[in-house]
Amino acid sequence: FKDNRKNVDLVLLDMIMPGLSGRDTFAKLK
């Protein structure tokens, strides 16, 4: 997302993931 933020129109994000959770990932994308 960092490298392509100009091009990405939408993110489809799984909520339950090992490591960085969906919620944390969402916070970082924001």
PDB file of all heavy atoms in Angstrom:
ATOM      1  N   PHE A   1       0.833  -1.206   0.000  1.00  0.00           N
ATOM      2  CA  PHE A   1       0.000   0.000   0.000  1.00  0.00           C
ATOM      3  C   PHE A   1       0.869   1.257   0.000  1.00  0.00           C
ATOM      4  O   PHE A   1       0.586   2.225  -0.715  1.00  0.00           O
ATOM      5  CB  PHE A   1      -0.954  -0.010   1.209  1.00  0.00           C
ATOM      6  CG  PHE A   1      -1.970   1.098   1.171  1.00  0.00           C
ATOM      7  CD1 PHE A   1      -2.954   1.117   0.188  1.00  0.00           C
ATOM      8  CD2 PHE A   1      -1.958   2.119   2.109  1.00  0.00           C
ATOM      9  CE1 PHE A   1      -3.906   2.135   0.132  1.00  0.00           C
ATOM     10  CE2 PHE A   1      -2.898   3.150   2.068  1.00  0.00           C
ATOM     11  CZ  PHE A   1      -3.874   3.148   1.075  1.00  0.00           C
ATOM     12  N   LYS A   2       1.952   1.219   0.804  1.00  0.00           N
ATOM     13  CA  LYS A   2       2.885   2.359   0.865  1.00  0.00           C
ATOM     14  C   LYS A   2       3.418   2.671  -0.535  1.00  0.00           C
ATOM     15  O   LYS A   2       3.438   3.816  -0.969  1.00  0.00           O
ATOM     16  CB  LYS A   2       4.068   2.006   1.763  1.00  0.00           C
ATOM     17  CG  LYS A   2       4.032   2.711   3.105  1.00  0.00           C
ATOM     18  CD  LYS A   2       5.344   2.508   3.862  1.00  0.00           C
ATOM     19  CE  LYS A   2       5.106   2.681   5.344  1.00  0.00           C
ATOM     20  NZ  LYS A   2       5.786   1.672   6.155  1.00  0.00           N
ATOM     21  N   ASP A   3       3.858   1.603  -1.236  1.00  0.00           N
ATOM     22  CA  ASP A   3       4.498   1.797  -2.545  1.00  0.00           C
ATOM     23  C   ASP A   3       3.494   2.182  -3.630  1.00  0.00           C
ATOM     24  O   ASP A   3       3.874   2.734  -4.649  1.00  0.00           O
ATOM     25  CB  ASP A   3       5.212   0.507  -2.984  1.00  0.00           C
ATOM     26  CG  ASP A   3       6.296   0.116  -1.982  1.00  0.00           C
ATOM     27  OD1 ASP A   3       6.704   1.000  -1.190  1.00  0.00           O
ATOM     28  OD2 ASP A   3       6.715  -1.055  -1.970  1.00  0.00           O
ATOM     29  N   ASN A   4       2.217   1.817  -3.446  1.00  0.00           N
ATOM     30  CA  ASN A   4       1.259   2.003  -4.547  1.00  0.00           C
ATOM     31  C   ASN A   4       0.035   2.812  -4.144  1.00  0.00           C
ATOM     32  O   ASN A   4      -1.021   2.686  -4.760  1.00  0.00           O
ATOM     33  CB  ASN A   4       0.776   0.647  -5.061  1.00  0.00           C
ATOM     34  CG  ASN A   4       1.912  -0.221  -5.549  1.00  0.00           C
ATOM     35  OD1 ASN A   4       2.384  -0.053  -6.661  1.00  0.00           O
ATOM     36  ND2 ASN A   4       2.351  -1.131  -4.695  1.00  0.00           N
ATOM     37  N   ARG A   5       0.185   3.631  -3.084  1.00  0.00           N
ATOM     38  CA  ARG A   5      -1.033   4.240  -2.548  1.00  0.00           C
ATOM     39  C   ARG A   5      -1.756   5.111  -3.561  1.00  0.00           C
ATOM     40  O   ARG A   5      -2.973   5.293  -3.491  1.00  0.00           O
ATOM     41  CB  ARG A   5      -0.757   5.015  -1.266  1.00  0.00           C
ATOM     42  CG  ARG A   5       0.191   6.171  -1.432  1.00  0.00           C
ATOM     43  CD  ARG A   5       0.262   6.956  -0.151  1.00  0.00           C
ATOM     44  NE  ARG A   5      -0.892   7.836  -0.026  1.00  0.00           N
ATOM     45  CZ  ARG A   5      -0.922   8.845   0.822  1.00  0.00           C
ATOM     46  NH1 ARG A   5       0.098   9.067   1.622  1.00  0.00           N
ATOM     47  NH2 ARG A   5      -1.969   9.640   0.891  1.00  0.00           N
ATOM     48  N   LYS A   6      -1.030   5.631  -4.533  1.00  0.00           N
ATOM     49  CA  LYS A   6      -1.682   6.473  -5.548  1.00  0.00           C
ATOM     50  C   LYS A   6      -2.601   5.622  -6.434  1.00  0.00           C
ATOM     51  O   LYS A   6      -3.591   6.112  -6.972  1.00  0.00           O
ATOM     52  CB  LYS A   6      -0.616   7.153  -6.427  1.00  0.00           C
ATOM     53  CG  LYS A   6       0.194   8.216  -5.696  1.00  0.00           C
ATOM     54  CD  LYS A   6      -0.596   9.529  -5.579  1.00  0.00           C
ATOM     55  CE  LYS A   6       0.124  10.526  -4.695  1.00  0.00           C
ATOM     56  NZ  LYS A   6       0.010  10.212  -3.239  1.00  0.00           N
ATOM     57  N   ASN A   7      -2.241   4.341  -6.588  1.00  0.00           N
ATOM     58  CA  ASN A   7      -3.007   3.493  -7.509  1.00  0.00           C
ATOM     59  C   ASN A   7      -4.103   2.676  -6.838  1.00  0.00           C
ATOM     60  O   ASN A   7      -5.082   2.298  -7.477  1.00  0.00           O
ATOM     61  CB  ASN A   7      -2.073   2.502  -8.227  1.00  0.00           C
ATOM     62  CG  ASN A   7      -0.952   3.229  -8.940  1.00  0.00           C
ATOM     63  OD1 ASN A   7      -1.141   4.369  -9.369  1.00  0.00           O
ATOM     64  ND2 ASN A   7       0.204   2.597  -9.050  1.00  0.00           N
ATOM     65  N   VAL A   8      -3.920   2.342  -5.546  1.00  0.00           N
ATOM     66  CA  VAL A   8      -4.886   1.440  -4.913  1.00  0.00           C
ATOM     67  C   VAL A   8      -6.172   2.186  -4.574  1.00  0.00           C
ATOM     68  O   VAL A   8      -6.158   3.160  -3.833  1.00  0.00           O
ATOM     69  CB  VAL A   8      -4.287   0.799  -3.635  1.00  0.00           C
ATOM     70  CG1 VAL A   8      -5.338  -0.005  -2.896  1.00  0.00           C
ATOM     71  CG2 VAL A   8      -3.102  -0.090  -3.999  1.00  0.00           C
ATOM     72  N   ASP A   9      -7.292   1.723  -5.165  1.00  0.00           N
ATOM     73  CA  ASP A   9      -8.575   2.399  -4.928  1.00  0.00           C
ATOM     74  C   ASP A   9      -9.321   1.808  -3.731  1.00  0.00           C
ATOM     75  O   ASP A   9     -10.162   2.464  -3.132  1.00  0.00           O
ATOM     76  CB  ASP A   9      -9.464   2.268  -6.169  1.00  0.00           C
ATOM     77  CG  ASP A   9      -8.804   2.897  -7.387  1.00  0.00           C
ATOM     78  OD1 ASP A   9      -8.660   4.129  -7.391  1.00  0.00           O
ATOM     79  OD2 ASP A   9      -8.403   2.154  -8.311  1.00  0.00           O
ATOM     80  N   LEU A  10      -9.001   0.548  -3.411  1.00  0.00           N
ATOM     81  CA  LEU A  10      -9.764  -0.125  -2.365  1.00  0.00           C
ATOM     82  C   LEU A  10      -8.951  -1.271  -1.781  1.00  0.00           C
ATOM     83  O   LEU A  10      -8.201  -1.936  -2.502  1.00  0.00           O
ATOM     84  CB  LEU A  10     -11.056  -0.684  -2.984  1.00  0.00           C
ATOM     85  CG  LEU A  10     -11.957  -1.481  -2.057  1.00  0.00           C
ATOM     86  CD1 LEU A  10     -13.201  -0.677  -1.730  1.00  0.00           C
ATOM     87  CD2 LEU A  10     -12.388  -2.789  -2.691  1.00  0.00           C
ATOM     88  N   VAL A  11      -9.108  -1.503  -0.478  1.00  0.00           N
ATOM     89  CA  VAL A  11      -8.436  -2.636   0.156  1.00  0.00           C
ATOM     90  C   VAL A  11      -9.503  -3.615   0.668  1.00  0.00           C
ATOM     91  O   VAL A  11     -10.461  -3.205   1.322  1.00  0.00           O
ATOM     92  CB  VAL A  11      -7.543  -2.183   1.337  1.00  0.00           C
ATOM     93  CG1 VAL A  11      -6.831  -3.377   1.958  1.00  0.00           C
ATOM     94  CG2 VAL A  11      -6.541  -1.134   0.882  1.00  0.00           C
ATOM     95  N   LEU A  12      -9.322  -4.902   0.322  1.00  0.00           N
ATOM     96  CA  LEU A  12     -10.204  -5.954   0.841  1.00  0.00           C
ATOM     97  C   LEU A  12      -9.398  -6.656   1.930  1.00  0.00           C
ATOM     98  O   LEU A  12      -8.378  -7.288   1.645  1.00  0.00           O
ATOM     99  CB  LEU A  12     -10.580  -6.916  -0.289  1.00  0.00           C
ATOM    100  CG  LEU A  12     -11.631  -7.976   0.012  1.00  0.00           C
ATOM    101  CD1 LEU A  12     -12.961  -7.336   0.386  1.00  0.00           C
ATOM    102  CD2 LEU A  12     -11.834  -8.881  -1.203  1.00  0.00           C
ATOM    103  N   LEU A  13      -9.838  -6.512   3.169  1.00  0.00           N
ATOM    104  CA  LEU A  13      -8.999  -6.895   4.305  1.00  0.00           C
ATOM    105  C   LEU A  13      -9.642  -7.995   5.139  1.00  0.00           C
ATOM    106  O   LEU A  13     -10.772  -7.850   5.608  1.00  0.00           O
ATOM    107  CB  LEU A  13      -8.754  -5.640   5.165  1.00  0.00           C
ATOM    108  CG  LEU A  13      -8.058  -5.793   6.509  1.00  0.00           C
ATOM    109  CD1 LEU A  13      -6.627  -6.297   6.328  1.00  0.00           C
ATOM    110  CD2 LEU A  13      -8.045  -4.467   7.258  1.00  0.00           C
ATOM    111  N   ASP A  14      -8.903  -9.092   5.332  1.00  0.00           N
ATOM    112  CA  ASP A  14      -9.387 -10.177   6.185  1.00  0.00           C
ATOM    113  C   ASP A  14      -9.253  -9.742   7.641  1.00  0.00           C
ATOM    114  O   ASP A  14      -8.263  -9.124   8.022  1.00  0.00           O
ATOM    115  CB  ASP A  14      -8.550 -11.441   5.929  1.00  0.00           C
ATOM    116  CG  ASP A  14      -9.045 -12.622   6.752  1.00  0.00           C
ATOM    117  OD1 ASP A  14     -10.254 -12.701   7.010  1.00  0.00           O
ATOM    118  OD2 ASP A  14      -8.211 -13.456   7.135  1.00  0.00           O
ATOM    119  N   MET A  15     -10.246 -10.079   8.457  1.00  0.00           N
ATOM    120  CA  MET A  15     -10.250  -9.574   9.812  1.00  0.00           C
ATOM    121  C   MET A  15      -9.369 -10.393  10.745  1.00  0.00           C
ATOM    122  O   MET A  15      -8.679  -9.871  11.607  1.00  0.00           O
ATOM    123  CB  MET A  15     -11.679  -9.567  10.330  1.00  0.00           C
ATOM    124  CG  MET A  15     -11.820  -8.887  11.654  1.00  0.00           C
ATOM    125  SD  MET A  15     -13.547  -8.726  12.075  1.00  0.00           S
ATOM    126  CE  MET A  15     -13.849 -10.295  12.846  1.00  0.00           C
ATOM    127  N   ILE A  16      -9.425 -11.724  10.596  1.00  0.00           N
ATOM    128  CA  ILE A  16      -8.707 -12.567  11.563  1.00  0.00           C
ATOM    129  C   ILE A  16      -7.457 -13.140  10.919  1.00  0.00           C
ATOM    130  O   ILE A  16      -7.523 -14.048  10.093  1.00  0.00           O
ATOM    131  CB  ILE A  16      -9.643 -13.683  12.087  1.00  0.00           C
ATOM    132  CG1 ILE A  16     -10.811 -13.024  12.815  1.00  0.00           C
ATOM    133  CG2 ILE A  16      -8.885 -14.622  13.018  1.00  0.00           C
ATOM    134  CD1 ILE A  16     -11.918 -13.958  13.192  1.00  0.00           C
ATOM    135  N   MET A  17      -6.305 -12.550  11.251  1.00  0.00           N
ATOM    136  CA  MET A  17      -5.036 -13.017  10.681  1.00  0.00           C
ATOM    137  C   MET A  17      -4.012 -13.156  11.798  1.00  0.00           C
ATOM    138  O   MET A  17      -4.029 -12.385  12.746  1.00  0.00           O
ATOM    139  CB  MET A  17      -4.512 -12.010   9.643  1.00  0.00           C
ATOM    140  CG  MET A  17      -5.399 -11.816   8.440  1.00  0.00           C
ATOM    141  SD  MET A  17      -4.608 -10.743   7.199  1.00  0.00           S
ATOM    142  CE  MET A  17      -4.593  -9.155   8.026  1.00  0.00           C
ATOM    143  N   PRO A  18      -3.118 -14.131  11.675  1.00  0.00           N
ATOM    144  CA  PRO A  18      -2.023 -14.215  12.646  1.00  0.00           C
ATOM    145  C   PRO A  18      -1.067 -13.047  12.427  1.00  0.00           C
ATOM    146  O   PRO A  18      -1.062 -12.437  11.364  1.00  0.00           O
ATOM    147  CB  PRO A  18      -1.340 -15.539  12.295  1.00  0.00           C
ATOM    148  CG  PRO A  18      -1.741 -15.834  10.886  1.00  0.00           C
ATOM    149  CD  PRO A  18      -3.077 -15.209  10.685  1.00  0.00           C
ATOM    150  N   GLY A  19      -0.258 -12.724  13.426  1.00  0.00           N
ATOM    151  CA  GLY A  19       0.653 -11.584  13.278  1.00  0.00           C
ATOM    152  C   GLY A  19      -0.131 -10.309  13.465  1.00  0.00           C
ATOM    153  O   GLY A  19      -0.804 -10.121  14.477  1.00  0.00           O
ATOM    154  N   LEU A  20      -0.072  -9.464  12.457  1.00  0.00           N
ATOM    155  CA  LEU A  20      -0.772  -8.190  12.521  1.00  0.00           C
ATOM    156  C   LEU A  20      -2.266  -8.437  12.266  1.00  0.00           C
ATOM    157  O   LEU A  20      -2.634  -8.910  11.201  1.00  0.00           O
ATOM    158  CB  LEU A  20      -0.189  -7.260  11.443  1.00  0.00           C
ATOM    159  CG  LEU A  20      -0.228  -5.758  11.705  1.00  0.00           C
ATOM    160  CD1 LEU A  20       0.479  -5.413  13.010  1.00  0.00           C
ATOM    161  CD2 LEU A  20       0.416  -5.023  10.552  1.00  0.00           C
ATOM    162  N   SER A  21      -3.107  -8.116  13.246  1.00  0.00           N
ATOM    163  CA  SER A  21      -4.539  -8.403  13.091  1.00  0.00           C
ATOM    164  C   SER A  21      -5.171  -7.461  12.074  1.00  0.00           C
ATOM    165  O   SER A  21      -4.584  -6.444  11.704  1.00  0.00           O
ATOM    166  CB  SER A  21      -5.245  -8.209  14.424  1.00  0.00           C
ATOM    167  OG  SER A  21      -5.348  -6.829  14.688  1.00  0.00           O
ATOM    168  N   GLY A  22      -6.373  -7.790  11.649  1.00  0.00           N
ATOM    169  CA  GLY A  22      -7.099  -6.939  10.713  1.00  0.00           C
ATOM    170  C   GLY A  22      -7.241  -5.524  11.237  1.00  0.00           C
ATOM    171  O   GLY A  22      -7.065  -4.546  10.501  1.00  0.00           O
ATOM    172  N   ARG A  23      -7.521  -5.425  12.551  1.00  0.00           N
ATOM    173  CA  ARG A  23      -7.747  -4.097  13.117  1.00  0.00           C
ATOM    174  C   ARG A  23      -6.466  -3.255  13.099  1.00  0.00           C
ATOM    175  O   ARG A  23      -6.482  -2.066  12.748  1.00  0.00           O
ATOM    176  CB  ARG A  23      -8.276  -4.231  14.541  1.00  0.00           C
ATOM    177  CG  ARG A  23      -8.792  -2.914  15.060  1.00  0.00           C
ATOM    178  CD  ARG A  23      -9.450  -2.994  16.415  1.00  0.00           C
ATOM    179  NE  ARG A  23     -10.104  -1.718  16.698  1.00  0.00           N
ATOM    180  CZ  ARG A  23     -10.742  -1.450  17.827  1.00  0.00           C
ATOM    181  NH1 ARG A  23     -10.831  -2.366  18.757  1.00  0.00           N
ATOM    182  NH2 ARG A  23     -11.297  -0.275  18.023  1.00  0.00           N
ATOM    183  N   ASP A  24      -5.351  -3.893  13.475  1.00  0.00           N
ATOM    184  CA  ASP A  24      -4.073  -3.160  13.491  1.00  0.00           C
ATOM    185  C   ASP A  24      -3.653  -2.772  12.072  1.00  0.00           C
ATOM    186  O   ASP A  24      -3.148  -1.672  11.838  1.00  0.00           O
ATOM    187  CB  ASP A  24      -2.973  -4.021  14.135  1.00  0.00           C
ATOM    188  CG  ASP A  24      -3.271  -4.285  15.606  1.00  0.00           C
ATOM    189  OD1 ASP A  24      -4.080  -3.536  16.190  1.00  0.00           O
ATOM    190  OD2 ASP A  24      -2.708  -5.251  16.162  1.00  0.00           O
ATOM    191  N   THR A  25      -3.860  -3.716  11.146  1.00  0.00           N
ATOM    192  CA  THR A  25      -3.522  -3.432   9.744  1.00  0.00           C
ATOM    193  C   THR A  25      -4.321  -2.230   9.262  1.00  0.00           C
ATOM    194  O   THR A  25      -3.780  -1.318   8.630  1.00  0.00           O
ATOM    195  CB  THR A  25      -3.849  -4.658   8.858  1.00  0.00           C
ATOM    196  OG1 THR A  25      -3.202  -5.804   9.396  1.00  0.00           O
ATOM    197  CG2 THR A  25      -3.386  -4.441   7.435  1.00  0.00           C
ATOM    198  N   PHE A  26      -5.614  -2.226   9.607  1.00  0.00           N
ATOM    199  CA  PHE A  26      -6.478  -1.122   9.183  1.00  0.00           C
ATOM    200  C   PHE A  26      -5.964   0.212   9.743  1.00  0.00           C
ATOM    201  O   PHE A  26      -5.887   1.217   9.034  1.00  0.00           O
ATOM    202  CB  PHE A  26      -7.918  -1.380   9.636  1.00  0.00           C
ATOM    203  CG  PHE A  26      -8.849  -0.244   9.333  1.00  0.00           C
ATOM    204  CD1 PHE A  26      -9.019   0.202   8.027  1.00  0.00           C
ATOM    205  CD2 PHE A  26      -9.553   0.402  10.345  1.00  0.00           C
ATOM    206  CE1 PHE A  26      -9.875   1.255   7.736  1.00  0.00           C
ATOM    207  CE2 PHE A  26     -10.405   1.455  10.059  1.00  0.00           C
ATOM    208  CZ  PHE A  26     -10.564   1.883   8.756  1.00  0.00           C
ATOM    209  N   ALA A  27      -5.578   0.201  11.022  1.00  0.00           N
ATOM    210  CA  ALA A  27      -5.082   1.429  11.660  1.00  0.00           C
ATOM    211  C   ALA A  27      -3.853   1.947  10.909  1.00  0.00           C
ATOM    212  O   ALA A  27      -3.723   3.152  10.643  1.00  0.00           O
ATOM    213  CB  ALA A  27      -4.748   1.146  13.113  1.00  0.00           C
ATOM    214  N   LYS A  28      -2.942   1.007  10.530  1.00  0.00           N
ATOM    215  CA  LYS A  28      -1.714   1.421   9.839  1.00  0.00           C
ATOM    216  C   LYS A  28      -2.006   1.935   8.421  1.00  0.00           C
ATOM    217  O   LYS A  28      -1.356   2.863   7.948  1.00  0.00           O
ATOM    218  CB  LYS A  28      -0.729   0.243   9.779  1.00  0.00           C
ATOM    219  CG  LYS A  28      -0.153  -0.089  11.164  1.00  0.00           C
ATOM    220  CD  LYS A  28       1.228  -0.715  11.023  1.00  0.00           C
ATOM    221  CE  LYS A  28       2.094  -0.491  12.243  1.00  0.00           C
ATOM    222  NZ  LYS A  28       1.826  -1.465  13.318  1.00  0.00           N
ATOM    223  N   LEU A  29      -2.981   1.296   7.731  1.00  0.00           N
ATOM    224  CA  LEU A  29      -3.363   1.770   6.397  1.00  0.00           C
ATOM    225  C   LEU A  29      -3.910   3.192   6.504  1.00  0.00           C
ATOM    226  O   LEU A  29      -3.638   4.047   5.668  1.00  0.00           O
ATOM    227  CB  LEU A  29      -4.433   0.858   5.780  1.00  0.00           C
ATOM    228  CG  LEU A  29      -4.017  -0.563   5.380  1.00  0.00           C
ATOM    229  CD1 LEU A  29      -5.238  -1.403   5.028  1.00  0.00           C
ATOM    230  CD2 LEU A  29      -3.048  -0.546   4.193  1.00  0.00           C
ATOM    231  N   LYS A  30      -4.674   3.437   7.569  1.00  0.00           N
ATOM    232  CA  LYS A  30      -5.267   4.765   7.764  1.00  0.00           C
ATOM    233  C   LYS A  30      -4.192   5.811   8.064  1.00  0.00           C
ATOM    234  O   LYS A  30      -4.334   6.979   7.693  1.00  0.00           O
ATOM    235  CB  LYS A  30      -6.274   4.741   8.911  1.00  0.00           C
ATOM    236  CG  LYS A  30      -7.698   4.617   8.416  1.00  0.00           C
ATOM    237  CD  LYS A  30      -8.695   4.737   9.540  1.00  0.00           C
ATOM    238  CE  LYS A  30      -9.317   6.118   9.547  1.00  0.00           C
ATOM    239  NZ  LYS A  30     -10.592   6.146  10.282  1.00  0.00           N
TER     240      LYS A  30
END
